[in-house]
Amino acid sequence: MSKEPQMDTDEHRLNPFMERLLDGAEVEWRALGEVATLRRGRVMSKGYLIDNAGDYPVYSSQTVNNGMIGRIDTFDFDGVYISWTTDGANAGTVFYRTGKFSITNVCGSIKINDESKLNYKFLFYWLSIEAQKHVYSGMGNPKLMSHQVEKIPIPIPCPENPEKSLKIQAEIVRILDAFTELTTELTTELTTELNARKKQYNYYRDQLLSFEEGDADQLPMGQEGIGEFIRGGSLQKKDFTETGVGCIHYGQIYTYYGTYADKTKTFVSEALANKCRKAQMGNLVIATTSENDEDVCKAVAWLGDEDIAVSSDACIYKHNLNPKYVSYFFQTEQFQSQKRQYITGAKVRRVNADNLAKMLIPVPSPEEQARIVSILDKFDALTNSITEGLPREIELRQKQYEYYRDMLFSFPKPEGEGVENDEG
């Protein structure tokens, strides 16, 4: 399949910036394999990383932490390189690397043959656009292997004058570095603001749900007259249907739901729902299992009109308290400190219903519960608006950055030229 750099303008017309930048200079297109040397990484197991621990980073196919999965006492590369991910969900992701490091077998490295003609950062920014277009996703496992990467077309402005070419490349890099720095600063600023708001919210929530001695009884949540915990039923993800009776799977509680909900994300058939334990309006649905301590016992108050089915590894809390009050209490440090005493399991962390019933909850008057909920609802709405607004703002800035990046790389290409995407 033909792959060509996309331009917002007509193929033979340059945008004003590019026209000024090139100032009449030609652009030569070379396959990456003609201007750079490619090399694959090597297999390194977790055991190898542990046995050879040291100071030099090892990069793999993940994108978290800039791709670093550990450090060893030797290095395979020293200097400036570009690396890319060859396999998996992140295939085609490109990184600018410097210093002493190693890469695993699901990565590749790119070393420019003649740095007097091609700028590393220029090549990095270009491949950040182009590499993803050459990823082959057949058989469900995305790949971008060396024989595909070496065919990616690289624009070389003003090839007859290397000095001028590097100046053009450097100017594009300067502008994109500035945009990158600005986007990073904005993201950091917004994230810092969000974290500050959350910290403030958590502080006031914990204060509102802390009572002086005598102001509220501290009662076991499973005490008669207060509430009871009922284990969920045998409901699995494979049972989900597009319509039917609403259901909550335990995994959704810490990935989808907030403090309360009146609609479910998923449904099950009526026949299966009849066999399941159900939560009614006002009940809490609690995830009793997770891979980390933080998510164990995360709860959502069900405020919908209809009864809903609840999966195993979750439990239902039927009670006579304000539903939102109880759900907010589950988020407090007062509850978390009690929960930590009862967590069991190594890889899978659990708290069973019997131990939940032993935990103490402050029980003020219904009026006081309603007052606290009213205040926390306002804080919750403010925090959520910031949480939702942050990704939108970051996405907007990213699109703006990509627009200018693509404009800066809208080099003219000879009509009819393209590079085949080898799907082998």
Protein backbone atom coordinates (compact mmCIF):
# COMPACT_ATOMS: atom_id res chain seq x y z
CA MET A 1 0.00 0.00 0.00
CA SER A 2 1.41 3.38 -0.97
CA LYS A 3 2.41 5.60 1.91
CA GLU A 4 3.09 9.28 1.33
CA PRO A 5 3.47 12.22 3.71
CA GLN A 6 0.13 14.00 3.96
CA MET A 7 -0.13 17.73 3.41
CA ASP A 8 -2.93 20.18 4.20
CA THR A 9 -2.15 22.09 1.01
CA ASP A 10 -2.13 21.03 -2.63
CA GLU A 11 0.66 18.54 -3.36
CA HIS A 12 2.64 21.05 -5.41
CA ARG A 13 1.96 24.13 -3.29
CA LEU A 14 3.92 24.91 -0.14
CA ASN A 15 2.50 26.61 2.91
CA PRO A 16 3.98 30.12 3.41
CA PHE A 17 6.29 29.07 6.24
CA MET A 18 7.76 26.15 4.31
CA GLU A 19 8.15 28.33 1.23
CA ARG A 20 10.17 30.89 3.22
CA LEU A 21 12.17 28.17 4.96
CA LEU A 22 13.20 26.36 1.78
CA ASP A 23 13.69 29.59 -0.19
CA GLY A 24 13.62 27.71 -3.49
CA ALA A 25 15.80 24.79 -2.32
CA GLU A 26 14.97 21.31 -3.55
CA VAL A 27 14.05 18.39 -1.31
CA GLU A 28 15.55 14.96 -1.83
CA TRP A 29 13.72 11.87 -0.52
CA ARG A 30 15.90 8.99 0.68
CA ALA A 31 14.91 5.67 2.24
CA LEU A 32 15.95 5.57 5.90
CA GLY A 33 18.14 2.53 5.25
CA GLU A 34 20.24 4.63 2.85
CA VAL A 35 21.07 7.32 5.42
CA ALA A 36 21.13 5.37 8.69
CA THR A 37 22.12 2.03 10.19
CA LEU A 38 19.43 0.00 11.95
CA ARG A 39 20.01 -2.55 14.71
CA ARG A 40 17.73 -4.68 16.89
CA GLY A 41 17.99 -5.00 20.66
CA ARG A 42 18.58 -8.26 22.53
CA VAL A 43 16.56 -10.51 24.81
CA MET A 44 16.79 -9.56 28.48
CA SER A 45 14.65 -11.40 31.02
CA LYS A 46 13.54 -10.05 34.38
CA GLY A 47 16.03 -12.39 35.97
CA TYR A 48 18.82 -10.97 33.82
CA LEU A 49 17.93 -7.43 34.90
CA ILE A 50 18.02 -8.48 38.56
CA ASP A 51 21.28 -10.45 38.28
CA ASN A 52 23.04 -7.66 36.36
CA ALA A 53 21.62 -4.61 38.12
CA GLY A 54 23.62 -1.43 37.59
CA ASP A 55 23.48 2.21 36.46
CA TYR A 56 22.67 2.01 32.74
CA PRO A 57 19.03 2.10 31.60
CA VAL A 58 17.34 -0.65 29.61
CA TYR A 59 14.43 0.34 27.36
CA SER A 60 11.67 -1.94 26.15
CA SER A 61 8.29 -1.75 24.38
CA GLN A 62 6.38 0.10 27.09
CA THR A 63 5.85 3.87 26.97
CA VAL A 64 5.58 4.46 30.73
CA ASN A 65 8.73 5.92 32.28
CA ASN A 66 10.05 6.72 28.79
CA GLY A 67 10.20 2.98 28.08
CA MET A 68 12.72 2.14 30.82
CA ILE A 69 12.20 -1.26 32.48
CA GLY A 70 15.35 -1.41 34.60
CA ARG A 71 19.08 -0.71 34.83
CA ILE A 72 22.06 -3.01 34.29
CA ASP A 73 25.83 -2.77 34.76
CA THR A 74 26.70 -2.74 31.04
CA PHE A 75 25.48 -0.87 27.96
CA ASP A 76 25.07 -1.70 24.26
CA PHE A 77 24.78 1.86 22.91
CA ASP A 78 26.69 5.06 23.70
CA GLY A 79 25.84 8.41 22.12
CA VAL A 80 22.84 9.83 20.27
CA TYR A 81 20.35 7.38 18.77
CA ILE A 82 16.71 7.05 17.85
CA SER A 83 14.91 3.93 19.01
CA TRP A 84 11.56 2.53 18.03
CA THR A 85 9.23 -0.15 19.38
CA THR A 86 8.91 -3.13 17.05
CA ASP A 87 6.09 -5.19 18.59
CA GLY A 88 2.83 -4.90 20.48
CA ALA A 89 0.34 -2.14 21.20
CA ASN A 90 3.07 0.54 21.13
CA ALA A 91 4.67 -0.61 17.87
CA GLY A 92 5.94 2.39 15.92
CA THR A 93 6.53 4.57 18.97
CA VAL A 94 9.75 6.55 18.50
CA PHE A 95 12.19 7.82 21.15
CA TYR A 96 15.17 10.18 21.10
CA ARG A 97 17.95 8.53 23.13
CA THR A 98 21.28 9.85 24.41
CA GLY A 99 24.03 8.50 26.65
CA LYS A 100 24.82 4.91 27.56
CA PHE A 101 21.87 2.49 27.39
CA SER A 102 20.54 -0.83 26.08
CA ILE A 103 17.33 -1.91 24.37
CA THR A 104 15.49 -5.22 24.39
CA ASN A 105 14.58 -7.40 21.44
CA VAL A 106 11.21 -5.62 20.95
CA CYS A 107 13.03 -2.40 20.09
CA GLY A 108 15.30 -1.20 17.33
CA SER A 109 17.96 1.52 17.17
CA ILE A 110 18.75 4.00 14.39
CA LYS A 111 22.21 5.54 13.95
CA ILE A 112 22.67 8.27 11.32
CA ASN A 113 25.52 7.48 8.93
CA ASP A 114 26.56 11.09 8.24
CA GLU A 115 25.58 13.70 10.82
CA SER A 116 26.84 16.50 8.55
CA LYS A 117 23.75 15.88 6.42
CA LEU A 118 21.01 14.85 8.84
CA ASN A 119 19.99 16.15 12.27
CA TYR A 120 18.95 13.52 14.87
CA LYS A 121 16.12 15.59 16.33
CA PHE A 122 14.88 16.41 12.82
CA LEU A 123 14.79 12.69 12.03
CA PHE A 124 13.12 11.93 15.37
CA TYR A 125 10.31 14.41 14.78
CA TRP A 126 9.79 13.14 11.21
CA LEU A 127 9.63 9.51 12.32
CA SER A 128 7.19 10.48 15.08
CA ILE A 129 4.79 11.31 12.23
CA GLU A 130 5.74 8.69 9.69
CA ALA A 131 6.58 5.50 11.62
CA GLN A 132 2.99 4.82 12.73
CA LYS A 133 1.87 4.75 9.08
CA HIS A 134 4.07 1.71 8.42
CA VAL A 135 2.93 -0.45 11.35
CA TYR A 136 1.49 -3.76 10.17
CA SER A 137 -1.40 -4.93 12.37
CA GLY A 138 -2.09 -8.31 10.79
CA MET A 139 -2.79 -11.36 12.98
CA GLY A 140 -3.70 -9.10 15.91
CA ASN A 141 -0.10 -8.25 16.83
CA PRO A 142 1.06 -4.85 15.54
CA LYS A 143 4.63 -4.92 14.24
CA LEU A 144 7.13 -2.52 12.73
CA MET A 145 10.20 -4.54 11.84
CA SER A 146 13.58 -3.32 10.57
CA HIS A 147 12.90 -4.20 6.90
CA GLN A 148 9.82 -1.96 7.07
CA VAL A 149 11.51 0.91 8.90
CA GLU A 150 14.46 1.07 6.51
CA LYS A 151 12.04 1.84 3.64
CA ILE A 152 10.47 4.89 5.34
CA PRO A 153 11.10 7.96 3.13
CA ILE A 154 13.16 10.73 4.72
CA PRO A 155 13.08 14.33 3.37
CA ILE A 156 16.50 15.95 2.99
CA PRO A 157 16.11 19.68 2.24
CA CYS A 158 18.74 21.32 0.06
CA PRO A 159 20.86 18.13 -0.39
CA GLU A 160 23.47 19.91 -2.53
CA ASN A 161 24.31 22.28 0.31
CA PRO A 162 24.67 20.30 3.60
CA GLU A 163 25.34 23.43 5.66
CA LYS A 164 22.10 25.08 4.51
CA SER A 165 20.27 21.78 4.88
CA LEU A 166 21.28 21.47 8.53
CA LYS A 167 20.23 25.08 9.16
CA ILE A 168 16.76 24.34 7.77
CA GLN A 169 16.53 21.15 9.81
CA ALA A 170 17.74 22.95 12.96
CA GLU A 171 15.11 25.70 12.56
CA ILE A 172 12.33 23.10 12.36
CA VAL A 173 13.77 21.37 15.43
CA ARG A 174 13.98 24.67 17.33
CA ILE A 175 10.31 25.43 16.72
CA LEU A 176 9.16 21.92 17.60
CA ASP A 177 11.32 21.81 20.73
CA ALA A 178 9.65 25.06 21.84
CA PHE A 179 6.18 23.62 21.18
CA THR A 180 7.09 20.42 23.02
CA GLU A 181 8.38 22.35 26.03
CA LEU A 182 5.27 24.53 26.10
CA THR A 183 2.96 21.52 25.90
CA THR A 184 4.90 19.74 28.66
CA GLU A 185 4.82 22.81 30.91
CA LEU A 186 1.08 23.20 30.41
CA THR A 187 0.43 19.53 31.15
CA THR A 188 2.55 19.74 34.30
CA GLU A 189 0.79 22.91 35.42
CA LEU A 190 -2.68 21.45 34.89
CA THR A 191 -1.76 18.17 36.57
CA THR A 192 -0.31 20.05 39.56
CA GLU A 193 -3.51 22.08 39.84
CA LEU A 194 -5.62 18.93 39.69
CA ASN A 195 -3.56 17.19 42.37
CA ALA A 196 -3.79 20.26 44.62
CA ARG A 197 -7.57 20.34 44.24
CA LYS A 198 -7.83 16.63 44.99
CA LYS A 199 -5.62 16.99 48.05
CA GLN A 200 -7.75 19.89 49.29
CA TYR A 201 -10.92 17.92 48.62
CA ASN A 202 -9.60 14.84 50.46
CA TYR A 203 -8.65 16.99 53.45
CA TYR A 204 -12.10 18.58 53.79
CA ARG A 205 -13.86 15.26 53.20
CA ASP A 206 -11.86 13.62 55.99
CA GLN A 207 -12.52 16.58 58.27
CA LEU A 208 -16.27 16.50 57.64
CA LEU A 209 -16.40 12.79 58.39
CA SER A 210 -14.37 13.03 61.58
CA PHE A 211 -16.36 13.65 64.75
CA GLU A 212 -15.48 14.65 68.27
CA GLU A 213 -16.23 12.08 70.94
CA GLY A 214 -19.92 12.13 71.69
CA ASP A 215 -20.94 13.85 68.43
CA ALA A 216 -21.56 10.58 66.57
CA ASP A 217 -21.64 6.92 67.55
CA GLN A 218 -18.90 4.76 66.06
CA LEU A 219 -20.73 1.57 65.13
CA PRO A 220 -19.75 -1.65 63.30
CA MET A 221 -21.08 -1.46 59.77
CA GLY A 222 -22.53 -4.95 60.10
CA GLN A 223 -24.32 -4.25 63.39
CA GLU A 224 -27.99 -5.15 63.43
CA GLY A 225 -30.03 -2.08 62.62
CA ILE A 226 -27.10 -0.47 60.75
CA GLY A 227 -26.45 -2.76 57.78
CA GLU A 228 -25.46 -6.12 56.35
CA PHE A 229 -23.04 -7.28 53.67
CA ILE A 230 -24.17 -9.72 51.00
CA ARG A 231 -21.72 -11.37 48.61
CA GLY A 232 -22.30 -10.87 44.89
CA GLY A 233 -23.19 -13.72 42.55
CA SER A 234 -21.61 -15.61 39.68
CA LEU A 235 -21.62 -12.99 36.94
CA GLN A 236 -18.70 -12.64 34.51
CA LYS A 237 -17.70 -10.29 31.72
CA LYS A 238 -18.65 -12.91 29.12
CA ASP A 239 -22.26 -12.65 30.35
CA PHE A 240 -22.65 -8.99 29.29
CA THR A 241 -25.41 -8.21 26.79
CA GLU A 242 -26.37 -5.01 24.96
CA THR A 243 -29.75 -4.80 26.72
CA GLY A 244 -31.46 -6.46 29.64
CA VAL A 245 -31.05 -6.01 33.39
CA GLY A 246 -28.37 -3.58 34.54
CA CYS A 247 -25.32 -5.05 36.23
CA ILE A 248 -22.10 -3.98 37.90
CA HIS A 249 -18.97 -6.09 37.56
CA TYR A 250 -16.45 -5.60 40.37
CA GLY A 251 -13.71 -4.43 37.96
CA GLN A 252 -15.91 -1.58 36.74
CA ILE A 253 -16.12 -0.08 40.21
CA TYR A 254 -12.53 1.12 40.16
CA THR A 255 -12.31 1.85 36.43
CA TYR A 256 -15.68 3.36 35.56
CA TYR A 257 -17.81 4.46 38.52
CA GLY A 258 -17.42 7.35 40.93
CA THR A 259 -19.04 7.96 44.32
CA TYR A 260 -22.53 7.13 43.08
CA ALA A 261 -24.36 6.03 39.92
CA ASP A 262 -27.93 5.74 38.60
CA LYS A 263 -27.07 3.97 35.32
CA THR A 264 -25.01 0.87 34.64
CA LYS A 265 -22.37 0.52 31.96
CA THR A 266 -23.39 -3.06 31.13
CA PHE A 267 -26.35 -5.46 31.18
CA VAL A 268 -27.11 -9.17 31.53
CA SER A 269 -30.03 -11.29 30.39
CA GLU A 270 -33.11 -11.38 32.57
CA ALA A 271 -32.69 -15.14 33.00
CA LEU A 272 -29.18 -14.72 34.44
CA ALA A 273 -30.21 -11.69 36.52
CA ASN A 274 -32.85 -13.81 38.24
CA LYS A 275 -30.05 -16.07 39.52
CA CYS A 276 -27.83 -13.20 40.71
CA ARG A 277 -27.71 -11.25 43.92
CA LYS A 278 -29.13 -7.77 43.34
CA ALA A 279 -28.47 -4.31 44.68
CA GLN A 280 -31.44 -2.04 45.30
CA MET A 281 -31.65 1.74 45.29
CA GLY A 282 -29.52 3.09 48.12
CA ASN A 283 -27.30 0.03 48.48
CA LEU A 284 -23.55 0.21 48.08
CA VAL A 285 -21.72 -2.07 45.65
CA ILE A 286 -18.16 -2.75 46.85
CA ALA A 287 -15.22 -4.30 44.99
CA THR A 288 -13.69 -6.73 47.50
CA THR A 289 -10.81 -7.81 45.22
CA SER A 290 -8.07 -5.95 43.36
CA GLU A 291 -4.42 -6.25 42.39
CA ASN A 292 -3.55 -3.26 44.58
CA ASP A 293 -4.46 -2.10 48.07
CA GLU A 294 -5.83 1.25 46.92
CA ASP A 295 -8.69 -0.21 44.88
CA VAL A 296 -9.74 -2.91 47.35
CA CYS A 297 -13.10 -1.91 48.86
CA LYS A 298 -13.73 0.90 46.42
CA ALA A 299 -17.48 1.49 46.55
CA VAL A 300 -20.27 3.06 44.53
CA ALA A 301 -23.71 3.98 45.85
CA TRP A 302 -26.43 2.67 43.55
CA LEU A 303 -29.14 5.35 43.13
CA GLY A 304 -30.99 3.96 40.12
CA ASP A 305 -34.68 3.02 40.23
CA GLU A 306 -34.19 -0.60 39.10
CA ASP A 307 -32.50 -3.43 40.97
CA ILE A 308 -29.18 -4.44 39.40
CA ALA A 309 -27.17 -7.68 39.31
CA VAL A 310 -23.81 -7.72 41.10
CA SER A 311 -20.83 -9.93 40.23
CA SER A 312 -18.75 -12.12 42.46
CA ASP A 313 -15.65 -10.47 43.98
CA ALA A 314 -18.05 -7.69 44.95
CA CYS A 315 -20.52 -7.38 47.75
CA ILE A 316 -23.70 -5.44 48.41
CA TYR A 317 -24.10 -3.30 51.52
CA LYS A 318 -27.73 -2.90 52.58
CA HIS A 319 -28.06 -0.25 55.27
CA ASN A 320 -30.28 2.42 56.78
CA LEU A 321 -27.86 5.34 56.32
CA ASN A 322 -27.57 8.05 53.68
CA PRO A 323 -26.14 6.16 50.63
CA LYS A 324 -23.83 8.96 49.53
CA TYR A 325 -22.67 9.49 53.11
CA VAL A 326 -21.56 5.85 53.32
CA SER A 327 -19.89 5.97 49.91
CA TYR A 328 -17.96 9.10 50.86
CA PHE A 329 -16.95 7.43 54.13
CA PHE A 330 -15.38 4.56 52.16
CA GLN A 331 -13.00 7.13 50.61
CA THR A 332 -11.73 8.53 53.92
CA GLU A 333 -8.43 7.72 55.61
CA GLN A 334 -10.50 6.67 58.63
CA PHE A 335 -11.95 3.80 56.58
CA GLN A 336 -8.74 3.08 54.67
CA SER A 337 -6.71 2.62 57.88
CA GLN A 338 -9.27 0.07 59.13
CA LYS A 339 -9.34 -1.70 55.76
CA ARG A 340 -5.57 -2.18 55.68
CA GLN A 341 -5.76 -4.36 58.79
CA TYR A 342 -7.95 -6.90 56.99
CA ILE A 343 -6.36 -7.12 53.52
CA THR A 344 -5.20 -10.64 52.64
CA GLY A 345 -3.55 -12.25 49.62
CA ALA A 346 -0.30 -11.64 47.78
CA LYS A 347 -0.84 -10.91 44.09
CA VAL A 348 -4.63 -10.62 44.45
CA ARG A 349 -5.64 -8.49 47.42
CA ARG A 350 -8.94 -9.12 49.21
CA VAL A 351 -11.14 -8.01 52.09
CA ASN A 352 -14.04 -10.32 52.83
CA ALA A 353 -17.58 -9.32 53.79
CA ASP A 354 -17.21 -10.62 57.36
CA ASN A 355 -14.30 -8.26 58.01
CA LEU A 356 -16.09 -5.34 56.37
CA ALA A 357 -18.89 -5.88 58.87
CA LYS A 358 -16.43 -5.31 61.75
CA MET A 359 -15.28 -1.88 60.55
CA LEU A 360 -16.58 1.15 62.41
CA ILE A 361 -18.50 3.99 60.81
CA PRO A 362 -19.50 7.27 62.50
CA VAL A 363 -23.30 7.56 62.53
CA PRO A 364 -24.50 11.15 63.09
CA SER A 365 -28.14 12.20 62.72
CA PRO A 366 -29.80 11.85 59.29
CA GLU A 367 -29.84 15.65 59.03
CA GLU A 368 -26.09 15.85 59.65
CA GLN A 369 -25.45 13.08 57.11
CA ALA A 370 -27.46 15.05 54.52
CA ARG A 371 -25.56 18.28 55.34
CA ILE A 372 -22.19 16.56 54.88
CA VAL A 373 -23.31 14.99 51.61
CA SER A 374 -24.48 18.37 50.29
CA ILE A 375 -21.06 19.90 50.93
CA LEU A 376 -19.12 16.95 49.52
CA ASP A 377 -21.30 16.81 46.41
CA LYS A 378 -20.17 20.35 45.59
CA PHE A 379 -16.51 19.49 46.14
CA ASP A 380 -16.95 16.30 44.12
CA ALA A 381 -18.52 18.18 41.20
CA LEU A 382 -15.69 20.72 41.20
CA THR A 383 -13.00 18.05 41.30
CA ASN A 384 -14.68 16.04 38.54
CA SER A 385 -15.00 19.10 36.30
CA ILE A 386 -11.26 19.67 36.61
CA THR A 387 -10.56 15.96 36.08
CA GLU A 388 -12.66 15.91 32.92
CA GLY A 389 -11.35 19.25 31.69
CA LEU A 390 -7.69 18.31 32.04
CA PRO A 391 -7.62 15.60 29.35
CA ARG A 392 -9.65 17.82 27.02
CA GLU A 393 -7.23 20.70 27.44
CA ILE A 394 -4.20 18.46 26.97
CA GLU A 395 -5.78 16.89 23.88
CA LEU A 396 -6.42 20.35 22.43
CA ARG A 397 -2.80 21.37 22.97
CA GLN A 398 -1.60 18.08 21.48
CA LYS A 399 -3.70 18.61 18.35
CA GLN A 400 -2.36 22.14 18.06
CA TYR A 401 1.19 20.82 18.36
CA GLU A 402 0.54 18.11 15.74
CA TYR A 403 -0.94 20.67 13.35
CA TYR A 404 2.17 22.85 13.44
CA ARG A 405 4.48 19.83 13.39
CA ASP A 406 2.78 18.50 10.26
CA MET A 407 2.92 21.94 8.68
CA LEU A 408 6.63 22.16 9.39
CA PHE A 409 7.15 18.81 7.68
CA SER A 410 4.96 19.43 4.64
CA PHE A 411 7.84 19.05 2.19
CA PRO A 412 6.95 18.78 -1.50
CA LYS A 413 7.16 15.28 -2.89
CA PRO A 414 7.53 14.32 -6.55
CA GLU A 415 4.24 13.29 -8.07
CA GLY A 416 3.65 9.54 -8.15
CA GLU A 417 6.37 8.67 -5.64
CA GLY A 418 5.56 6.52 -2.65
CA VAL A 419 6.96 3.86 -0.44
CA GLU A 420 5.40 0.44 -0.21
CA ASN A 421 4.29 -0.73 3.22
CA ASP A 422 5.64 -4.28 3.33
CA GLU A 423 3.06 -6.32 5.16
CA GLY A 424 5.22 -9.38 5.36
